[in-house]
Amino acid sequence: MPNPLRQRTRRLVLAGGAVTSLLVAWWLWPRALPVDAVTVQRGDLASSVVDLGETRVREPYILASPVQGRVRRITLEEGDAVARDAVLAWIDPARSAPLDERTRASLGAALQQARAARDRAGAHVQLAEDEAARTARLWSQKLVSEQVYRATQSKRREALAERSEAEAGVARIEAELAGSREGTGGAIALVSPIDGRVLTRHIESARPVAVGEPLLEIGRPDELEVVAEFLSQDAALMREGAPAWIEGWGGEPVPARVRRISPSGRLKVSALGVEERRVDVWLDPAEPMPGAGHGFQVEARVEIARVEDVVRVPVETLVRDGEGWRAWRIESGRLIAVPLEVGITDGRWREVRSGLAEGDLIVAAPNRQLAEGLRVSPRP
């Protein structure tokens, strides 16, 4: 007859072994890998490019010397306010060089010849006018032909032209002799064409200046524009009137618009020695930039593309897959590698054109430990 105590002991041993086996199996069973996850959303995206630029007064005026001479000391400082029609600088015109006796005698003889030529031309004019008047009377009486009449009128005009030329020769030589004896008159005043401020003072001390040499640059600092140099491949994506922002100037970002894009580029060498094609782009700020002035460095951001109500994901959720992109989607606690077709990006988000839908759960920061079918536990 079976012993009840032995049977009960056996059952307890078997039960304990089963529990131990379950605990070992539970311990050795692969656990789900905890991962950070995000939900795919819909929203708007705008792609932009950023490059360095500088502020400029929209309509600067450069005051240059109109004559060769000597500019007096300019007391204006950069930043000084100037009123319209106010005198900003004085220039004393250069005096003519004195003539030596030989040159003066030669000019005197030339003057006599010129006056004689003028007198001869005057005599020819008198004869030609008399002949023309006489022929005109005869032609009115039908006593000479029209051809003779027109010939005498032509001779009269030629005589008048010769006299004018001779008079101009006399005036030229007289002016040359007069200029060598006396100066060219008083000082010339340079006046401000606008109400504004001095932007640049090219010359301070009194010194000789040439014709066209810049003296002052003035403008209105409250009327600023921004000129930025973009890579040609970025400028090709822009359009006039596109939204833009002016950043890094010392204040909050200022909205702006693209006013003009240069039709030509130029070659520049970067600080790293790389040859680049750069294109100037002009921006008009929509708001004042207090504290900014002429020639300040800024960062210009220009929008090149915009999409609305599209599927988008954070850029850190994407993984390179050859020449394309993929993401790790979480379904029923398992990972699925999903190839994606992507669009534009704003640096934080990227458009997903196919492969994911709104509401999908994806890994937020993929790493090399992830694999197809891996059990994961999304963190809340």
Protein backbone atom coordinates (compact mmCIF):
# COMPACT_ATOMS: atom_id res chain seq x y z
CA MET A 1 0.00 0.00 0.00
CA PRO A 2 1.51 3.39 -1.07
CA ASN A 3 2.79 5.58 1.67
CA PRO A 4 0.79 8.89 1.72
CA LEU A 5 3.67 10.84 3.20
CA ARG A 6 6.03 9.76 0.44
CA GLN A 7 3.54 10.68 -2.26
CA ARG A 8 3.02 14.13 -0.79
CA THR A 9 6.77 14.70 -0.59
CA ARG A 10 7.15 13.70 -4.25
CA ARG A 11 4.47 16.11 -5.33
CA LEU A 12 6.14 18.94 -3.45
CA VAL A 13 9.49 18.17 -5.04
CA LEU A 14 7.94 18.09 -8.54
CA ALA A 15 6.08 21.34 -7.92
CA GLY A 16 9.23 23.02 -6.66
CA GLY A 17 11.18 21.85 -9.70
CA ALA A 18 8.50 23.20 -12.04
CA VAL A 19 8.52 26.57 -10.33
CA THR A 20 12.31 26.67 -10.47
CA SER A 21 12.26 25.81 -14.19
CA LEU A 22 9.76 28.59 -14.85
CA LEU A 23 11.87 31.08 -12.94
CA VAL A 24 15.01 30.10 -14.86
CA ALA A 25 13.14 30.28 -18.17
CA TRP A 26 11.74 33.68 -17.26
CA TRP A 27 15.22 34.91 -16.32
CA LEU A 28 16.82 33.63 -19.53
CA TRP A 29 14.00 34.78 -21.82
CA PRO A 30 15.11 37.78 -24.00
CA ARG A 31 13.70 40.98 -22.61
CA ALA A 32 12.35 43.86 -24.73
CA LEU A 33 14.90 46.64 -25.38
CA PRO A 34 13.71 49.97 -23.98
CA VAL A 35 13.79 52.72 -26.62
CA ASP A 36 12.67 56.34 -26.87
CA ALA A 37 9.81 56.69 -29.34
CA VAL A 38 7.95 59.54 -31.04
CA THR A 39 4.67 59.70 -32.90
CA VAL A 40 4.62 60.76 -36.54
CA GLN A 41 2.84 64.10 -36.97
CA ARG A 42 1.51 66.37 -39.68
CA GLY A 43 2.43 70.03 -40.03
CA ASP A 44 3.96 72.79 -42.14
CA LEU A 45 7.60 72.96 -43.25
CA ALA A 46 9.75 75.72 -44.72
CA SER A 47 13.24 75.12 -46.05
CA SER A 48 15.75 77.99 -45.98
CA VAL A 49 19.41 78.77 -46.58
CA VAL A 50 21.62 81.01 -44.44
CA ASP A 51 24.71 83.01 -45.32
CA LEU A 52 26.61 86.09 -44.19
CA GLY A 53 25.79 89.58 -45.37
CA GLU A 54 26.12 93.22 -44.37
CA THR A 55 23.85 96.18 -43.87
CA ARG A 56 24.06 99.13 -46.23
CA VAL A 57 22.41 102.50 -46.45
CA ARG A 58 19.94 102.17 -49.29
CA GLU A 59 20.87 105.39 -51.11
CA PRO A 60 24.35 106.63 -50.14
CA TYR A 61 25.74 109.82 -51.66
CA ILE A 62 29.46 110.18 -52.35
CA LEU A 63 30.65 113.78 -52.51
CA ALA A 64 33.72 114.09 -54.73
CA SER A 65 35.90 117.00 -55.74
CA PRO A 66 34.54 118.65 -58.92
CA VAL A 67 37.87 120.31 -59.72
CA GLN A 68 41.54 119.84 -59.17
CA GLY A 69 42.66 121.91 -56.23
CA ARG A 70 43.17 121.91 -52.48
CA VAL A 71 40.48 120.85 -50.02
CA ARG A 72 40.30 122.71 -46.73
CA ARG A 73 40.25 120.73 -43.48
CA ILE A 74 36.97 118.84 -43.03
CA THR A 75 35.76 119.18 -39.43
CA LEU A 76 32.79 116.83 -39.73
CA GLU A 77 33.06 113.47 -37.95
CA GLU A 78 31.53 110.17 -39.03
CA GLY A 79 28.02 109.99 -37.58
CA ASP A 80 27.47 113.76 -37.54
CA ALA A 81 24.07 114.90 -38.74
CA VAL A 82 23.96 117.13 -41.82
CA ALA A 83 21.12 119.21 -43.24
CA ARG A 84 20.13 119.52 -46.86
CA ASP A 85 22.07 122.30 -48.68
CA ALA A 86 24.51 122.67 -45.75
CA VAL A 87 28.14 123.30 -46.75
CA LEU A 88 30.23 120.22 -45.97
CA ALA A 89 33.59 121.11 -47.51
CA TRP A 90 35.44 123.89 -49.29
CA ILE A 91 37.82 123.41 -52.24
CA ASP A 92 40.23 126.03 -53.52
CA PRO A 93 40.72 125.42 -57.26
CA ALA A 94 44.28 125.04 -58.51
CA ARG A 95 45.81 128.07 -60.22
CA SER A 96 47.11 127.86 -63.75
CA ALA A 97 50.85 127.38 -64.18
CA PRO A 98 52.72 130.63 -65.09
CA LEU A 99 54.06 130.93 -68.63
CA ASP A 100 57.68 131.63 -69.46
CA GLU A 101 58.59 134.58 -71.70
CA ARG A 102 59.16 132.44 -74.79
CA THR A 103 55.78 130.72 -74.51
CA ARG A 104 54.04 134.01 -73.80
CA ALA A 105 55.63 135.59 -76.90
CA SER A 106 54.62 132.60 -79.00
CA LEU A 107 51.04 132.88 -77.75
CA GLY A 108 51.08 136.63 -78.47
CA ALA A 109 52.11 136.00 -82.07
CA ALA A 110 49.48 133.27 -82.40
CA LEU A 111 46.89 135.70 -81.04
CA GLN A 112 47.78 138.26 -83.71
CA GLN A 113 47.46 135.61 -86.43
CA ALA A 114 44.13 134.51 -85.03
CA ARG A 115 42.81 138.08 -84.96
CA ALA A 116 43.97 138.60 -88.55
CA ALA A 117 42.20 135.43 -89.59
CA ARG A 118 39.11 136.69 -87.81
CA ASP A 119 39.28 139.99 -89.71
CA ARG A 120 39.68 138.21 -93.05
CA ALA A 121 36.75 135.95 -92.22
CA GLY A 122 34.69 139.05 -91.37
CA ALA A 123 35.52 140.59 -94.75
CA HIS A 124 34.54 137.38 -96.51
CA VAL A 125 31.27 137.39 -94.65
CA GLN A 126 30.52 140.93 -95.76
CA LEU A 127 31.22 140.08 -99.42
CA ALA A 128 29.20 136.89 -99.23
CA GLU A 129 26.22 138.65 -97.64
CA ASP A 130 26.28 141.41 -100.27
CA GLU A 131 26.46 138.84 -103.07
CA ALA A 132 23.68 136.79 -101.50
CA ALA A 133 21.43 139.84 -101.12
CA ARG A 134 22.02 140.94 -104.73
CA THR A 135 21.35 137.43 -106.07
CA ALA A 136 18.19 137.18 -103.95
CA ARG A 137 16.82 140.36 -105.59
CA LEU A 138 17.61 139.11 -109.08
CA TRP A 139 16.10 135.68 -108.34
CA SER A 140 12.89 137.34 -107.11
CA GLN A 141 12.72 139.11 -110.52
CA LYS A 142 13.40 135.80 -112.33
CA LEU A 143 16.66 137.19 -113.73
CA VAL A 144 18.92 134.39 -112.36
CA SER A 145 18.40 130.69 -111.97
CA GLU A 146 17.58 128.98 -108.68
CA GLN A 147 20.92 127.16 -108.84
CA VAL A 148 22.84 130.47 -108.81
CA TYR A 149 20.69 131.72 -105.93
CA ARG A 150 21.35 128.60 -103.82
CA ALA A 151 25.10 128.73 -104.56
CA THR A 152 25.41 132.28 -103.21
CA GLN A 153 23.43 131.35 -100.07
CA SER A 154 25.77 128.42 -99.48
CA LYS A 155 28.83 130.67 -99.80
CA ARG A 156 27.29 133.04 -97.24
CA ARG A 157 26.83 130.20 -94.72
CA GLU A 158 30.41 128.99 -95.27
CA ALA A 159 31.74 132.49 -94.65
CA LEU A 160 29.76 132.76 -91.42
CA ALA A 161 31.17 129.41 -90.24
CA GLU A 162 34.73 130.50 -91.01
CA ARG A 163 34.22 133.68 -89.01
CA SER A 164 32.86 131.72 -86.00
CA GLU A 165 35.84 129.38 -86.13
CA ALA A 166 38.27 132.32 -86.27
CA GLU A 167 36.54 134.01 -83.31
CA ALA A 168 36.79 130.78 -81.30
CA GLY A 169 40.53 130.62 -82.03
CA VAL A 170 41.00 134.15 -80.74
CA ALA A 171 38.98 133.40 -77.59
CA ARG A 172 41.01 130.26 -76.86
CA ILE A 173 44.36 132.00 -77.01
CA GLU A 174 43.11 135.00 -75.01
CA ALA A 175 41.79 132.63 -72.30
CA GLU A 176 45.13 130.80 -72.13
CA LEU A 177 47.01 134.07 -71.71
CA ALA A 178 44.54 135.36 -69.12
CA GLY A 179 44.61 132.13 -67.09
CA SER A 180 48.37 132.29 -66.74
CA ARG A 181 48.18 135.75 -65.19
CA GLU A 182 45.44 135.21 -62.57
CA GLY A 183 43.71 132.43 -60.62
CA THR A 184 40.48 130.68 -61.35
CA GLY A 185 38.36 132.50 -58.81
CA GLY A 186 37.08 131.77 -55.30
CA ALA A 187 36.61 128.56 -53.35
CA ILE A 188 33.98 126.03 -54.34
CA ALA A 189 31.51 124.82 -51.71
CA LEU A 190 30.29 121.20 -51.56
CA VAL A 191 26.76 121.05 -50.13
CA SER A 192 24.71 118.15 -48.79
CA PRO A 193 22.01 116.87 -51.17
CA ILE A 194 19.93 115.34 -48.33
CA ASP A 195 19.18 115.44 -44.63
CA GLY A 196 21.27 112.61 -43.24
CA ARG A 197 24.49 111.65 -41.50
CA VAL A 198 28.14 111.34 -42.42
CA LEU A 199 28.86 107.67 -43.13
CA THR A 200 32.51 107.90 -44.19
CA ARG A 201 35.05 110.70 -44.16
CA HIS A 202 37.64 109.88 -46.81
CA ILE A 203 39.76 112.98 -46.20
CA GLU A 204 40.25 114.94 -42.98
CA SER A 205 43.28 117.22 -43.30
CA ALA A 206 43.72 119.94 -45.90
CA ARG A 207 45.60 118.61 -48.91
CA PRO A 208 45.60 118.63 -52.72
CA VAL A 209 42.85 116.63 -54.41
CA ALA A 210 42.25 115.44 -57.96
CA VAL A 211 39.08 115.76 -59.99
CA GLY A 212 36.58 113.11 -58.85
CA GLU A 213 38.43 112.17 -55.65
CA PRO A 214 35.89 111.10 -52.91
CA LEU A 215 35.72 113.37 -49.87
CA LEU A 216 32.61 112.36 -47.90
CA GLU A 217 29.90 109.72 -48.03
CA ILE A 218 26.52 110.58 -46.52
CA GLY A 219 23.19 108.81 -46.21
CA ARG A 220 20.24 108.00 -43.97
CA PRO A 221 21.21 105.18 -41.54
CA ASP A 222 17.55 104.52 -40.71
CA GLU A 223 16.96 103.38 -44.32
CA LEU A 224 18.94 100.14 -44.42
CA GLU A 225 19.12 97.19 -46.76
CA VAL A 226 21.02 93.93 -46.44
CA VAL A 227 23.29 92.51 -49.14
CA ALA A 228 24.21 88.85 -48.62
CA GLU A 229 26.53 86.61 -50.64
CA PHE A 230 24.94 83.21 -51.29
CA LEU A 231 26.34 80.23 -53.12
CA SER A 232 25.12 80.25 -56.72
CA GLN A 233 23.35 76.89 -56.29
CA ASP A 234 21.37 78.36 -53.36
CA ALA A 235 20.61 81.63 -55.15
CA ALA A 236 19.21 79.63 -58.09
CA LEU A 237 16.44 78.34 -55.76
CA MET A 238 15.38 81.82 -54.61
CA ARG A 239 12.79 84.14 -56.05
CA GLU A 240 12.19 87.86 -55.70
CA GLY A 241 9.66 88.62 -52.95
CA ALA A 242 10.50 85.45 -51.00
CA PRO A 243 10.25 85.65 -47.18
CA ALA A 244 13.54 86.15 -45.37
CA TRP A 245 14.89 86.93 -41.92
CA ILE A 246 17.85 88.99 -40.73
CA GLU A 247 19.60 87.33 -37.79
CA GLY A 248 22.81 87.65 -35.82
CA TRP A 249 22.90 91.45 -35.98
CA GLY A 250 22.61 92.03 -32.22
CA GLY A 251 18.85 91.90 -31.81
CA GLU A 252 15.85 89.69 -32.42
CA PRO A 253 15.39 88.23 -35.94
CA VAL A 254 13.86 90.83 -38.26
CA PRO A 255 11.49 89.71 -41.06
CA ALA A 256 12.46 90.82 -44.57
CA ARG A 257 11.77 90.23 -48.25
CA VAL A 258 14.06 89.45 -51.16
CA ARG A 259 14.11 92.57 -53.33
CA ARG A 260 16.64 91.63 -55.98
CA ILE A 261 18.90 88.75 -56.97
CA SER A 262 22.02 89.54 -58.95
CA PRO A 263 21.93 88.00 -62.46
CA SER A 264 25.67 87.28 -62.34
CA GLY A 265 27.98 85.51 -59.92
CA ARG A 266 31.64 85.99 -59.10
CA LEU A 267 34.43 83.69 -58.03
CA LYS A 268 35.57 83.88 -54.40
CA VAL A 269 37.98 81.78 -52.39
CA SER A 270 36.73 80.71 -48.95
CA ALA A 271 38.79 80.75 -45.76
CA LEU A 272 39.52 77.06 -46.38
CA GLY A 273 40.89 77.79 -49.86
CA VAL A 274 37.84 76.45 -51.72
CA GLU A 275 36.77 78.28 -54.88
CA GLU A 276 33.08 79.22 -54.75
CA ARG A 277 30.66 81.06 -56.98
CA ARG A 278 28.86 83.73 -55.00
CA VAL A 279 25.75 85.75 -55.91
CA ASP A 280 24.59 89.00 -54.25
CA VAL A 281 21.03 89.00 -52.88
CA TRP A 282 19.38 92.22 -51.62
CA LEU A 283 16.93 92.07 -48.70
CA ASP A 284 14.57 94.79 -47.46
CA PRO A 285 13.91 94.64 -43.68
CA ALA A 286 10.24 94.91 -42.76
CA GLU A 287 11.04 96.47 -39.37
CA PRO A 288 13.61 98.98 -38.07
CA MET A 289 16.91 97.62 -36.75
CA PRO A 290 17.74 99.95 -33.82
CA GLY A 291 21.46 100.20 -33.25
CA ALA A 292 22.46 98.78 -36.63
CA GLY A 293 24.33 100.99 -39.04
CA HIS A 294 26.10 101.05 -42.37
CA GLY A 295 28.41 98.05 -42.93
CA PHE A 296 27.26 95.86 -39.99
CA GLN A 297 27.67 92.09 -40.36
CA VAL A 298 24.46 90.01 -40.26
CA GLU A 299 23.16 86.55 -41.12
CA ALA A 300 20.57 86.40 -43.88
CA ARG A 301 18.08 83.51 -43.96
CA VAL A 302 16.01 83.15 -47.14
CA GLU A 303 13.11 80.73 -47.61
CA ILE A 304 13.52 78.58 -50.73
CA ALA A 305 10.60 76.10 -50.34
CA ARG A 306 7.43 75.68 -48.27
CA VAL A 307 4.90 72.82 -47.87
CA GLU A 308 1.76 72.72 -45.74
CA ASP A 309 -0.02 69.94 -43.85
CA VAL A 310 2.47 67.16 -44.68
CA VAL A 311 3.72 64.12 -42.77
CA ARG A 312 6.92 65.11 -40.97
CA VAL A 313 9.37 63.52 -38.55
CA PRO A 314 12.30 64.83 -36.49
CA VAL A 315 15.52 64.61 -38.48
CA GLU A 316 17.22 62.57 -35.74
CA THR A 317 14.77 59.69 -36.31
CA LEU A 318 16.11 59.06 -39.84
CA VAL A 319 18.91 56.67 -40.75
CA ARG A 320 20.88 56.62 -43.99
CA ASP A 321 20.06 53.59 -46.15
CA GLY A 322 22.42 53.67 -49.12
CA GLU A 323 21.37 56.72 -51.11
CA GLY A 324 17.99 56.88 -49.37
CA TRP A 325 16.58 57.04 -45.86
CA ARG A 326 14.76 54.69 -43.50
CA ALA A 327 13.15 54.76 -40.05
CA TRP A 328 12.40 52.13 -37.40
CA ARG A 329 8.66 51.69 -36.94
CA ILE A 330 7.33 49.93 -33.82
CA GLU A 331 4.46 47.48 -34.39
CA SER A 332 3.23 45.12 -31.65
CA GLY A 333 6.45 45.61 -29.74
CA ARG A 334 8.65 44.66 -32.72
CA LEU A 335 10.92 46.78 -34.95
CA ILE A 336 10.28 47.12 -38.69
CA ALA A 337 12.77 48.90 -40.98
CA VAL A 338 10.74 51.21 -43.26
CA PRO A 339 12.33 52.77 -46.38
CA LEU A 340 11.24 56.36 -46.88
CA GLU A 341 10.87 58.93 -49.61
CA VAL A 342 11.68 62.27 -48.03
CA GLY A 343 11.28 65.91 -49.06
CA ILE A 344 12.43 69.26 -47.70
CA THR A 345 13.78 69.96 -44.24
CA ASP A 346 13.99 72.98 -41.97
CA GLY A 347 16.83 71.56 -39.88
CA ARG A 348 14.51 70.16 -37.17
CA TRP A 349 11.83 68.36 -39.16
CA ARG A 350 11.86 66.52 -42.48
CA GLU A 351 8.98 65.89 -44.86
CA VAL A 352 8.08 62.22 -45.44
CA ARG A 353 6.38 61.67 -48.79
CA SER A 354 5.92 57.90 -48.45
CA GLY A 355 6.66 55.11 -45.97
CA LEU A 356 5.02 56.51 -42.82
CA ALA A 357 1.60 57.79 -41.87
CA GLU A 358 0.36 60.14 -39.20
CA GLY A 359 0.19 58.39 -35.83
CA ASP A 360 2.89 55.79 -36.54
CA LEU A 361 5.28 55.13 -33.63
CA ILE A 362 8.95 55.29 -34.56
CA VAL A 363 12.27 55.14 -32.70
CA ALA A 364 13.41 58.61 -31.71
CA ALA A 365 17.19 58.08 -31.75
CA PRO A 366 18.20 54.89 -33.65
CA ASN A 367 21.54 53.19 -32.89
CA ARG A 368 23.47 50.16 -34.11
CA GLN A 369 21.84 47.80 -31.58
CA LEU A 370 18.55 47.87 -33.47
CA ALA A 371 17.64 45.07 -35.84
CA GLU A 372 14.64 43.86 -37.82
CA GLY A 373 12.10 42.12 -35.58
CA LEU A 374 13.80 43.09 -32.32
CA ARG A 375 11.44 43.27 -29.32
CA VAL A 376 11.40 46.78 -27.92
CA SER A 377 9.65 48.59 -25.15
CA PRO A 378 8.79 52.19 -26.00
CA ARG A 379 9.49 54.58 -23.17
CA PRO A 380 6.57 56.83 -22.26
